[in-house]
């Protein structure tokens, strides 16, 4: 059976480890001087060699060779490589994270090694252990038997208790540099008789983002095509990304405010099967390239692209302002973040194109709103069905009291978390449900009501359509029946009491709502008597 590259090329001795020389130096010195620690904590992002280094360290303390440890060829080294060595126990904390699992470990620690000199416990993804499991591990981790060693590996050390961190020697694994990844992948291609271009290697290393495993997985996919010559276009095809031509053309159309052409161009590349989320990331990287070429005279060493494309990017950056680049990067970064929670990322990217091309952004919209003159709410509008007559004196008509306008409140942190949780649950039932969250703010939560401010009439109408789902989720979250009050930004928000609703009223404090339109009908009747005409309420 075929073995994946990241498994077939797994390092077996310290000299084969890529990009972690600072850690290799420490471990080799400890082995040579017999000062190996009883507990290690290996931290770092995925694919940087944490588990591989743990296995090599386990080999080193059990190696039978008289020379350098580990040798990789003795019986113990081969057994550890094959996973049949009894004294090296690997535990996946993601699936064995309970107190009972740690209790079993504590019992097995009492027994001496069966074959080697040390019994080594490698606990992967240790941050997944429960609080009780961590507490059960503390004493054993601090004072294990002399012939026992613990190696904990995690991608999220911040989740570990301080009591665990203080009992281990912590070693942080860095992202592997791009040039080291390129050298390793070039060697693999040479061994397999495949000719690969430098630009293709740069793109592969860039997609790996410092992870050896990710880089080898992508390279494995590229080599699986059977091509004997691999260039940048082949890599782009297999990773679901678009070429630089697409992003240059798309940016040009957006800069020239050609929204329709930009959307058609996007539709064409998506029809070819490109990944929409990858397009978001790559387009953000293109704007970053534009920014770099504005400040760096010779960007060849920084930008991962051909000389011809660098020249085209430089030419494009000359007529695109830094402000436009800044706005586009901020907008796309927000879109990438929102796409994590959406089942319709294409719509979000299309909206980003329209927003960037139209020069619309949230900050500018807020400034325009603040500069807009405040319009006090008017009395109900009456449509006359008869010719105009002389104006009636103001004293003859009693106008309804105008409520004091309360400024729109900012969304408190606890309300933001609650609002986010509502839409995270709601989007499972409706793909576009998350669009409401981007255009609304939860300003107040009372006993029986919660107040929502919409930034546009479209968002408000859509929120009203989804009222039943929103109120249902909010009721489940808060454990009581809740009713939504939705207002358009700029409208009068009745009441200024942030406490929410009067108990038992179901409406915010300060809100006066006519019952069955009785007040409006009375005013219409009185106006009809005074004006001598029929009045219709719009």
Protein backbone atom coordinates (compact mmCIF):
# COMPACT_ATOMS: atom_id res chain seq x y z
CA UNK A 1 0.00 0.00 0.00
CA UNK A 2 1.25 3.50 -0.84
CA UNK A 3 2.59 5.49 2.12
CA UNK A 4 1.93 9.24 2.15
CA UNK A 5 4.97 11.47 1.81
CA UNK A 6 4.65 12.99 5.28
CA UNK A 7 4.85 9.47 6.73
CA UNK A 8 7.45 8.05 4.36
CA UNK A 9 9.72 11.08 4.89
CA UNK A 10 9.32 11.28 8.67
CA UNK A 11 12.74 11.97 10.29
CA UNK A 12 14.24 9.07 12.24
CA UNK A 13 17.29 10.79 13.78
CA UNK A 14 18.05 14.31 15.02
CA UNK A 15 20.01 15.29 11.91
CA UNK A 16 16.93 14.82 9.70
CA UNK A 17 14.71 17.25 11.64
CA UNK A 18 13.96 20.39 9.60
CA UNK A 19 14.11 23.91 10.98
CA UNK A 20 14.33 23.14 14.72
CA UNK A 21 18.07 23.31 15.30
CA UNK A 22 17.67 25.20 18.59
CA UNK A 23 15.72 22.26 20.02
CA UNK A 24 17.97 19.59 18.51
CA UNK A 25 20.99 21.26 20.10
CA UNK A 26 19.43 21.19 23.58
CA UNK A 27 18.25 17.57 23.38
CA UNK A 28 21.55 16.23 21.97
CA UNK A 29 23.51 17.97 24.71
CA UNK A 30 21.25 16.52 27.41
CA UNK A 31 21.60 13.03 25.97
CA UNK A 32 25.38 13.30 25.71
CA UNK A 33 25.69 14.53 29.31
CA UNK A 34 22.98 12.22 30.71
CA UNK A 35 20.93 15.16 31.99
CA UNK A 36 17.65 14.32 30.29
CA UNK A 37 14.63 15.89 32.00
CA UNK A 38 11.81 13.78 33.46
CA UNK A 39 9.09 15.85 31.68
CA UNK A 40 9.05 17.89 28.46
CA UNK A 41 6.42 20.14 26.92
CA UNK A 42 6.68 20.48 23.13
CA UNK A 43 4.70 23.49 21.86
CA UNK A 44 4.18 24.74 18.32
CA UNK A 45 1.86 24.95 15.36
CA UNK A 46 0.79 21.89 13.40
CA UNK A 47 3.30 20.02 11.27
CA UNK A 48 6.46 21.43 12.85
CA UNK A 49 7.76 18.11 14.21
CA UNK A 50 6.58 17.88 17.83
CA UNK A 51 5.50 14.21 17.80
CA UNK A 52 8.37 13.22 15.50
CA UNK A 53 10.92 14.81 17.84
CA UNK A 54 9.28 13.08 20.81
CA UNK A 55 9.73 9.69 19.12
CA UNK A 56 13.35 10.47 18.25
CA UNK A 57 13.99 11.46 21.89
CA UNK A 58 12.39 8.17 23.01
CA UNK A 59 14.74 6.34 20.65
CA UNK A 60 17.74 8.24 22.01
CA UNK A 61 17.14 7.26 25.65
CA UNK A 62 16.62 3.62 24.67
CA UNK A 63 19.18 3.26 21.83
CA UNK A 64 21.56 0.28 22.06
CA UNK A 65 24.29 1.86 19.92
CA UNK A 66 27.66 2.78 21.38
CA UNK A 67 27.96 5.84 19.15
CA UNK A 68 25.55 8.71 18.52
CA UNK A 69 22.06 8.34 19.95
CA UNK A 70 19.75 7.51 18.34
CA UNK A 71 21.38 5.45 15.63
CA UNK A 72 18.12 4.57 13.89
CA UNK A 73 19.30 1.01 13.11
CA UNK A 74 19.44 -0.95 16.38
CA UNK A 75 16.63 -3.26 17.49
CA UNK A 76 15.10 -0.71 19.88
CA UNK A 77 15.18 2.13 17.32
CA UNK A 78 13.52 -0.07 14.69
CA UNK A 79 10.87 -1.26 17.16
CA UNK A 80 10.01 2.33 18.13
CA UNK A 81 9.82 3.25 14.43
CA UNK A 82 7.40 0.36 13.78
CA UNK A 83 5.34 1.18 16.89
CA UNK A 84 5.97 -2.20 18.55
CA UNK A 85 8.27 -1.09 21.38
CA UNK A 86 6.53 -1.88 24.67
CA UNK A 87 8.19 0.91 26.68
CA UNK A 88 7.10 3.79 24.43
CA UNK A 89 3.43 4.52 25.02
CA UNK A 90 1.68 7.12 22.84
CA UNK A 91 -1.59 8.53 24.18
CA UNK A 92 -4.02 10.69 22.20
CA UNK A 93 -5.41 13.09 24.80
CA UNK A 94 -8.19 14.15 22.42
CA UNK A 95 -9.90 10.77 22.85
CA UNK A 96 -8.44 9.73 26.23
CA UNK A 97 -9.01 12.85 28.25
CA UNK A 98 -10.84 11.58 31.32
CA UNK A 99 -9.73 11.03 34.89
CA UNK A 100 -10.03 7.26 34.50
CA UNK A 101 -7.50 7.31 31.63
CA UNK A 102 -4.95 9.15 33.77
CA UNK A 103 -5.58 6.76 36.65
CA UNK A 104 -4.70 3.86 34.37
CA UNK A 105 -1.54 5.72 33.36
CA UNK A 106 -0.59 6.25 37.02
CA UNK A 107 -0.96 2.54 37.69
CA UNK A 108 1.18 1.55 34.70
CA UNK A 109 3.93 4.00 35.71
CA UNK A 110 4.67 1.87 38.77
CA UNK A 111 6.01 -0.99 36.65
CA UNK A 112 9.63 -0.80 35.39
CA UNK A 113 10.52 -0.84 31.65
CA UNK A 114 10.13 -4.26 30.06
CA UNK A 115 12.77 -3.91 27.31
CA UNK A 116 14.50 -0.52 27.28
CA UNK A 117 16.20 1.69 29.81
CA UNK A 118 13.35 4.17 30.12
CA UNK A 119 9.60 4.00 29.80
CA UNK A 120 8.47 7.01 27.73
CA UNK A 121 4.90 8.37 27.71
CA UNK A 122 4.11 10.63 24.74
CA UNK A 123 0.82 12.48 25.34
CA UNK A 124 -0.29 14.25 22.15
CA UNK A 125 -2.77 17.18 22.16
CA UNK A 126 -2.39 17.34 25.94
CA UNK A 127 -4.47 20.54 26.16
CA UNK A 128 -7.55 18.37 25.55
CA UNK A 129 -7.31 16.75 28.99
CA UNK A 130 -10.07 17.63 31.42
CA UNK A 131 -9.43 19.60 34.59
CA UNK A 132 -9.80 16.46 36.69
CA UNK A 133 -7.33 14.61 34.46
CA UNK A 134 -4.76 17.39 34.81
CA UNK A 135 -5.12 17.29 38.59
CA UNK A 136 -4.71 13.52 38.60
CA UNK A 137 -1.53 13.83 36.52
CA UNK A 138 0.17 16.50 38.66
CA UNK A 139 1.90 14.40 41.30
CA UNK A 140 3.06 11.72 38.88
CA UNK A 141 4.34 14.35 36.45
CA UNK A 142 6.31 16.13 39.16
CA UNK A 143 7.95 13.07 40.73
CA UNK A 144 7.78 10.09 38.34
CA UNK A 145 9.88 6.96 38.93
CA UNK A 146 13.51 7.28 37.90
CA UNK A 147 13.07 5.23 34.74
CA UNK A 148 9.97 7.07 33.46
CA UNK A 149 9.85 10.10 31.14
CA UNK A 150 6.85 12.21 30.02
CA UNK A 151 6.72 14.14 26.73
CA UNK A 152 3.64 16.34 26.33
CA UNK A 153 2.84 17.84 22.92
CA UNK A 154 0.33 20.61 22.24
CA UNK A 155 -0.59 23.29 19.73
CA UNK A 156 -2.28 25.44 22.40
CA UNK A 157 -0.05 25.76 25.49
CA UNK A 158 -2.15 28.65 26.80
CA UNK A 159 -4.87 26.13 27.68
CA UNK A 160 -2.62 24.20 30.05
CA UNK A 161 -2.79 24.92 33.80
CA UNK A 162 0.17 26.76 35.28
CA UNK A 163 0.74 23.79 37.57
CA UNK A 164 1.48 21.60 34.53
CA UNK A 165 3.65 24.22 32.79
CA UNK A 166 5.83 24.66 35.86
CA UNK A 167 6.62 20.93 36.04
CA UNK A 168 7.90 20.56 32.47
CA UNK A 169 10.83 21.75 30.39
CA UNK A 170 9.13 23.76 27.66
CA UNK A 171 10.53 23.74 24.12
CA UNK A 172 8.82 25.89 21.47
CA UNK A 173 8.85 24.67 17.86
CA UNK A 174 9.05 27.41 15.23
CA UNK A 175 7.47 27.51 11.81
CA UNK A 176 9.92 26.02 9.33
CA UNK A 177 11.51 28.69 7.08
CA UNK A 178 10.43 28.74 3.44
CA UNK A 179 13.91 28.08 2.02
CA UNK A 180 14.31 24.94 4.16
CA UNK A 181 10.93 23.64 2.98
CA UNK A 182 11.92 24.31 -0.62
CA UNK A 183 15.20 22.40 -0.23
CA UNK A 184 13.40 19.41 1.26
CA UNK A 185 10.73 19.30 -1.45
CA UNK A 186 13.31 19.77 -4.19
CA UNK A 187 15.19 16.73 -2.87
CA UNK A 188 12.01 14.64 -2.89
CA UNK A 189 11.22 15.63 -6.48
CA UNK A 190 14.78 14.76 -7.55
CA UNK A 191 14.52 11.32 -5.93
CA UNK A 192 11.26 10.69 -7.79
CA UNK A 193 12.62 11.91 -11.13
CA UNK A 194 10.32 14.94 -11.31
CA UNK A 195 11.53 18.30 -12.57
CA UNK A 196 9.98 21.19 -10.64
CA UNK A 197 10.49 24.92 -11.20
CA UNK A 198 11.64 27.36 -8.52
CA UNK A 199 8.41 29.33 -8.76
CA UNK A 200 6.42 26.13 -8.13
CA UNK A 201 8.58 25.31 -5.10
CA UNK A 202 8.08 28.83 -3.74
CA UNK A 203 4.33 28.54 -4.13
CA UNK A 204 4.28 25.12 -2.41
CA UNK A 205 6.35 26.43 0.49
CA UNK A 206 4.15 29.51 0.75
CA UNK A 207 0.98 27.39 0.89
CA UNK A 208 2.58 25.21 3.60
CA UNK A 209 2.85 28.29 5.87
CA UNK A 210 5.74 26.85 7.88
CA UNK A 211 4.23 23.37 8.30
CA UNK A 212 6.30 20.48 6.93
CA UNK A 213 3.32 18.13 6.96
CA UNK A 214 1.10 20.57 5.06
CA UNK A 215 3.82 21.14 2.46
CA UNK A 216 4.38 17.42 1.91
CA UNK A 217 0.63 16.79 1.66
CA UNK A 218 0.29 19.41 -1.10
CA UNK A 219 3.39 18.08 -2.88
CA UNK A 220 1.97 14.56 -2.64
CA UNK A 221 -1.19 15.78 -4.36
CA UNK A 222 0.82 17.45 -7.14
CA UNK A 223 3.03 14.40 -7.73
CA UNK A 224 0.00 12.10 -7.81
CA UNK A 225 -0.88 13.53 -11.25
CA UNK A 226 2.07 11.69 -12.76
CA UNK A 227 3.50 14.83 -14.38
CA UNK A 228 7.27 14.67 -14.91
CA UNK A 229 7.54 18.46 -15.13
CA UNK A 230 5.76 20.63 -12.55
CA UNK A 231 5.50 24.41 -12.84
CA UNK A 232 3.61 27.13 -10.96
CA UNK A 233 0.43 26.69 -13.03
CA UNK A 234 0.25 23.00 -12.09
CA UNK A 235 0.46 23.87 -8.40
CA UNK A 236 -2.20 26.57 -8.74
CA UNK A 237 -4.50 24.04 -10.41
CA UNK A 238 -4.15 21.48 -7.62
CA UNK A 239 -4.38 23.80 -4.62
CA UNK A 240 -7.56 25.50 -5.92
CA UNK A 241 -5.99 28.95 -6.28
CA UNK A 242 -6.14 31.37 -9.19
CA UNK A 243 -3.19 32.84 -11.07
CA UNK A 244 -1.79 36.32 -10.61
CA UNK A 245 -3.47 37.45 -13.84
CA UNK A 246 -6.89 37.00 -12.25
CA UNK A 247 -6.09 39.14 -9.20
CA UNK A 248 -4.45 41.85 -11.29
CA UNK A 249 -7.52 42.03 -13.54
CA UNK A 250 -9.97 41.88 -10.62
CA UNK A 251 -8.15 44.63 -8.73
CA UNK A 252 -8.05 46.77 -11.86
CA UNK A 253 -11.81 46.43 -12.41
CA UNK A 254 -12.55 47.21 -8.78
CA UNK A 255 -10.26 50.25 -8.88
CA UNK A 256 -12.05 51.54 -12.00
CA UNK A 257 -15.47 50.99 -10.31
CA UNK A 258 -16.46 48.38 -12.91
CA UNK A 259 -18.60 46.32 -10.55
CA UNK A 260 -20.44 44.29 -13.19
CA UNK A 261 -17.25 43.23 -14.96
CA UNK A 262 -15.62 42.27 -11.64
CA UNK A 263 -18.57 40.08 -10.64
CA UNK A 264 -18.59 38.37 -14.05
CA UNK A 265 -14.84 37.72 -13.76
CA UNK A 266 -15.36 36.16 -10.32
CA UNK A 267 -18.19 34.01 -11.61
CA UNK A 268 -15.94 32.67 -14.37
CA UNK A 269 -13.11 31.64 -12.07
CA UNK A 270 -15.52 30.04 -9.59
CA UNK A 271 -17.11 28.12 -12.46
CA UNK A 272 -13.66 26.62 -13.09
CA UNK A 273 -13.78 25.07 -9.62
CA UNK A 274 -11.58 27.49 -7.67
CA UNK A 275 -12.09 27.64 -3.91
CA UNK A 276 -13.83 30.85 -2.84
CA UNK A 277 -12.12 31.05 0.57
CA UNK A 278 -8.73 30.54 -1.02
CA UNK A 279 -9.55 33.36 -3.44
CA UNK A 280 -10.27 35.66 -0.50
CA UNK A 281 -6.88 34.91 1.06
CA UNK A 282 -4.99 35.24 -2.22
CA UNK A 283 -6.70 38.53 -3.11
CA UNK A 284 -5.73 39.91 0.31
CA UNK A 285 -2.16 38.78 -0.41
CA UNK A 286 -2.30 40.61 -3.76
CA UNK A 287 -3.22 43.87 -2.03
CA UNK A 288 -0.34 43.21 0.36
CA UNK A 289 1.95 42.84 -2.67
CA UNK A 290 0.69 46.17 -3.99
CA UNK A 291 1.52 47.77 -0.66
CA UNK A 292 5.02 46.24 -0.61
CA UNK A 293 5.88 47.48 -4.09
CA UNK A 294 4.98 51.02 -3.02
CA UNK A 295 7.73 51.06 -0.42
CA UNK A 296 10.31 48.49 -1.56
CA UNK A 297 12.37 49.32 -4.61
CA UNK A 298 13.45 45.72 -5.37
CA UNK A 299 10.72 43.41 -4.02
CA UNK A 300 11.91 40.27 -5.83
CA UNK A 301 13.13 38.65 -2.61
CA UNK A 302 9.86 39.30 -0.76
CA UNK A 303 7.17 38.65 -3.35
CA UNK A 304 6.58 35.03 -4.35
CA UNK A 305 6.01 35.52 -8.08
CA UNK A 306 7.78 35.78 -11.39
CA UNK A 307 9.73 38.86 -12.49
CA UNK A 308 7.08 39.65 -15.12
CA UNK A 309 4.27 39.57 -12.57
CA UNK A 310 6.28 41.69 -10.14
CA UNK A 311 6.62 44.32 -12.85
CA UNK A 312 2.85 44.21 -13.50
CA UNK A 313 2.12 44.57 -9.78
CA UNK A 314 4.49 47.54 -9.58
CA UNK A 315 2.74 49.21 -12.48
CA UNK A 316 -0.66 48.63 -10.91
CA UNK A 317 0.43 49.96 -7.52
CA UNK A 318 1.42 53.27 -9.12
CA UNK A 319 -2.20 54.29 -9.80
CA UNK A 320 -3.83 52.70 -6.73
CA UNK A 321 -3.65 54.84 -3.61
CA UNK A 322 -2.45 53.53 -0.27
CA UNK A 323 -5.82 54.46 1.23
CA UNK A 324 -7.61 52.23 -1.29
CA UNK A 325 -5.21 49.37 -0.54
CA UNK A 326 -5.79 49.83 3.19
CA UNK A 327 -9.59 49.84 2.82
CA UNK A 328 -9.49 46.72 0.63
CA UNK A 329 -7.30 44.75 3.05
CA UNK A 330 -9.52 45.66 6.00
CA UNK A 331 -12.69 44.76 4.09
CA UNK A 332 -11.29 41.43 2.84
CA UNK A 333 -9.95 40.52 6.28
CA UNK A 334 -13.41 41.03 7.75
CA UNK A 335 -14.93 39.00 4.92
CA UNK A 336 -12.50 36.12 5.56
CA UNK A 337 -13.46 36.16 9.24
CA UNK A 338 -17.20 36.25 8.47
CA UNK A 339 -16.81 33.41 5.94
CA UNK A 340 -15.76 31.10 8.78
CA UNK A 341 -19.35 31.18 10.06
CA UNK A 342 -21.16 31.26 6.74
CA UNK A 343 -22.35 28.50 4.45
CA UNK A 344 -22.50 31.03 1.59
CA UNK A 345 -18.97 32.51 1.41
CA UNK A 346 -19.42 33.39 -2.25
CA UNK A 347 -22.09 35.95 -1.39
CA UNK A 348 -19.77 37.55 1.15
CA UNK A 349 -16.98 37.83 -1.43
CA UNK A 350 -19.37 39.36 -3.98
CA UNK A 351 -20.51 41.84 -1.34
CA UNK A 352 -16.87 42.70 -0.62
CA UNK A 353 -16.27 43.38 -4.32
CA UNK A 354 -19.27 45.70 -4.48
CA UNK A 355 -18.23 47.49 -1.29
CA UNK A 356 -14.61 48.00 -2.36
CA UNK A 357 -15.56 49.07 -5.88
CA UNK A 358 -18.23 51.47 -4.61
CA UNK A 359 -15.91 52.97 -2.02
CA UNK A 360 -18.35 52.02 0.71
CA UNK A 361 -17.11 50.87 4.07
CA UNK A 362 -18.58 50.72 7.53
CA UNK A 363 -16.52 53.60 8.92
CA UNK A 364 -17.49 55.91 6.06
CA UNK A 365 -21.13 54.94 6.45
CA UNK A 366 -20.93 55.74 10.15
CA UNK A 367 -19.38 59.15 9.43
CA UNK A 368 -22.10 59.93 6.88
CA UNK A 369 -24.73 58.93 9.41
CA UNK A 370 -23.22 61.15 12.10
CA UNK A 371 -23.16 64.12 9.70
CA UNK A 372 -26.78 63.57 8.68
CA UNK A 373 -29.08 66.11 10.36
CA UNK A 374 -31.25 64.65 13.08
CA UNK A 375 -34.88 64.56 11.98
CA UNK A 376 -37.41 64.49 14.76
CA UNK A 377 -40.18 61.93 14.28
CA UNK A 378 -43.22 63.51 12.68
CA UNK A 379 -46.87 63.05 13.49
CA UNK A 380 -48.79 60.41 11.49
CA UNK A 381 -49.23 61.40 7.83
CA UNK A 382 -52.79 61.92 6.64
CA UNK A 383 -53.76 61.85 2.98
CA UNK A 384 -56.54 64.27 2.05
CA UNK A 385 -59.21 63.22 -0.43
CA UNK A 386 -60.61 66.76 -0.90
CA UNK A 387 -59.19 70.04 -2.28
CA UNK A 388 -56.88 72.03 -0.06
CA UNK A 389 -58.48 74.41 2.42
CA UNK A 390 -57.22 77.12 4.71
CA UNK A 391 -54.68 75.96 7.27
CA UNK A 392 -56.10 75.16 10.63
CA UNK A 393 -54.71 76.97 13.64
CA UNK A 394 -52.19 74.98 15.60
CA UNK A 395 -54.20 75.35 18.78
CA UNK A 396 -57.22 73.60 17.26
CA UNK A 397 -55.39 70.32 16.71
CA UNK A 398 -53.77 68.50 19.56
CA UNK A 399 -50.51 67.02 18.33
CA UNK A 400 -49.22 63.83 19.86
CA UNK A 401 -46.27 64.32 22.19
CA UNK A 402 -42.94 63.84 20.47
CA UNK A 403 -40.80 61.42 22.40
CA UNK A 404 -37.24 62.36 23.15
CA UNK A 405 -34.80 60.69 20.77
CA UNK A 406 -32.22 58.47 22.43
CA UNK A 407 -28.88 58.00 20.71
CA UNK A 408 -28.17 54.53 19.39
CA UNK A 409 -26.16 52.70 22.03
CA UNK A 410 -23.01 50.76 21.32
CA UNK A 411 -23.20 47.00 21.61
CA UNK A 412 -21.91 45.81 25.02
CA UNK A 413 -19.44 42.92 25.01
CA UNK A 414 -21.87 40.50 26.67
CA UNK A 415 -24.58 41.40 24.15
CA UNK A 416 -22.13 40.89 21.26
CA UNK A 417 -21.26 37.39 22.52
CA UNK A 418 -24.95 36.54 22.95
CA UNK A 419 -25.86 37.90 19.50
CA UNK A 420 -23.02 35.94 17.91
CA UNK A 421 -24.20 32.75 19.63
CA UNK A 422 -27.74 33.28 18.32
CA UNK A 423 -26.60 33.45 14.70
CA UNK A 424 -24.05 30.68 15.08
CA UNK A 425 -26.98 28.40 15.99
CA UNK A 426 -29.43 29.94 13.52
CA UNK A 427 -27.26 29.53 10.44
CA UNK A 428 -27.59 25.76 10.68
CA UNK A 429 -31.17 26.20 9.53
CA UNK A 430 -30.72 29.02 6.99
CA UNK A 431 -27.61 29.67 4.91
CA UNK A 432 -28.15 33.45 4.71
CA UNK A 433 -29.15 33.82 8.38
CA UNK A 434 -25.71 35.21 9.23
CA UNK A 435 -26.31 38.23 6.96
CA UNK A 436 -28.57 39.71 9.66
CA UNK A 437 -25.76 39.64 12.23
CA UNK A 438 -23.46 41.73 10.01
CA UNK A 439 -26.06 44.49 9.74
CA UNK A 440 -27.55 44.54 13.23
CA UNK A 441 -26.53 45.41 16.77
CA UNK A 442 -28.06 43.99 19.95
CA UNK A 443 -28.26 47.09 22.16
CA UNK A 444 -30.45 46.00 25.05
CA UNK A 445 -31.71 42.79 26.68
CA UNK A 446 -34.56 43.12 29.15
CA UNK A 447 -36.76 40.74 31.09
CA UNK A 448 -39.10 39.98 28.20
CA UNK A 449 -37.75 41.94 25.23
CA UNK A 450 -34.50 42.58 23.43
CA UNK A 451 -33.77 45.61 21.24
CA UNK A 452 -32.05 45.31 17.86
CA UNK A 453 -30.78 48.19 15.69
CA UNK A 454 -30.54 47.51 11.92
CA UNK A 455 -28.11 49.50 9.76
CA UNK A 456 -30.32 49.33 6.65
CA UNK A 457 -33.97 48.95 5.76
CA UNK A 458 -33.18 45.72 3.91
CA UNK A 459 -31.59 44.19 7.01
CA UNK A 460 -34.53 45.31 9.13
CA UNK A 461 -37.06 43.73 6.75
CA UNK A 462 -35.06 40.51 6.65
CA UNK A 463 -34.81 40.46 10.45
CA UNK A 464 -38.58 40.89 10.67
CA UNK A 465 -39.01 37.93 8.29
CA UNK A 466 -36.81 35.82 10.57
CA UNK A 467 -38.44 37.14 13.76
CA UNK A 468 -39.84 33.75 14.80
CA UNK A 469 -36.46 31.99 14.50
CA UNK A 470 -34.55 34.80 16.25
CA UNK A 471 -37.03 35.03 19.14
CA UNK A 472 -37.04 31.25 19.50
CA UNK A 473 -33.25 30.97 19.71
CA UNK A 474 -33.00 33.94 22.08
CA UNK A 475 -35.66 32.43 24.33
CA UNK A 476 -33.74 29.16 24.50
CA UNK A 477 -30.48 30.96 25.24
CA UNK A 478 -31.95 33.03 28.09
CA UNK A 479 -34.38 30.43 29.43
CA UNK A 480 -37.44 32.69 29.19
CA UNK A 481 -39.87 33.87 26.51
CA UNK A 482 -38.38 36.85 24.65
CA UNK A 483 -39.80 39.28 22.07
CA UNK A 484 -37.70 41.23 19.55
CA UNK A 485 -38.01 44.99 19.07
CA UNK A 486 -36.31 46.02 15.81
CA UNK A 487 -35.52 49.62 14.81
CA UNK A 488 -33.73 51.18 11.85
CA UNK A 489 -30.54 53.09 12.61
CA UNK A 490 -31.38 56.79 12.72
CA UNK A 491 -34.96 56.18 13.86
CA UNK A 492 -36.22 57.12 17.30
CA UNK A 493 -35.36 54.45 19.83
CA UNK A 494 -38.05 54.82 22.53
CA UNK A 495 -36.78 55.09 26.07
CA UNK A 496 -33.27 55.66 27.35
CA UNK A 497 -33.31 53.15 30.18
CA UNK A 498 -30.66 50.52 29.40
CA UNK A 499 -32.27 48.15 31.84
CA UNK A 500 -34.60 46.98 29.10
CA UNK A 501 -38.29 46.32 29.65
CA UNK A 502 -40.81 46.97 32.36
CA UNK A 503 -41.59 43.74 34.06
CA UNK A 504 -44.67 42.25 32.60
CA UNK A 505 -45.05 44.89 29.89
CA UNK A 506 -43.15 43.10 27.14
CA UNK A 507 -41.91 46.47 25.75
CA UNK A 508 -38.96 48.74 26.54
CA UNK A 509 -39.43 51.46 29.10
CA UNK A 510 -40.60 54.74 27.62
CA UNK A 511 -42.32 53.08 24.63
CA UNK A 512 -45.95 54.07 24.08
CA UNK A 513 -47.75 51.97 21.53
CA UNK A 514 -51.40 52.61 20.64
CA UNK A 515 -53.69 49.68 21.28
CA UNK A 516 -55.43 48.60 18.05
CA UNK A 517 -54.63 51.97 16.48
CA UNK A 518 -57.20 53.68 18.72
CA UNK A 519 -55.11 56.89 19.11
CA UNK A 520 -54.55 57.20 15.34
CA UNK A 521 -58.26 56.71 14.62
CA UNK A 522 -59.22 59.35 17.19
CA UNK A 523 -56.83 61.87 15.64
CA UNK A 524 -58.08 61.06 12.15
CA UNK A 525 -61.68 61.56 13.27
CA UNK A 526 -60.88 64.89 14.97
CA UNK A 527 -58.98 66.13 11.90
CA UNK A 528 -61.91 65.18 9.65
CA UNK A 529 -64.33 67.20 11.79
CA UNK A 530 -62.09 70.28 11.74
CA UNK A 531 -61.09 70.16 8.05
CA UNK A 532 -64.44 69.06 6.74
CA UNK A 533 -62.98 66.25 4.63
CA UNK A 534 -62.33 62.54 4.78
CA UNK A 535 -58.96 61.56 6.19
CA UNK A 536 -57.19 58.31 5.35
CA UNK A 537 -54.35 56.95 7.48
CA UNK A 538 -51.31 55.88 5.44
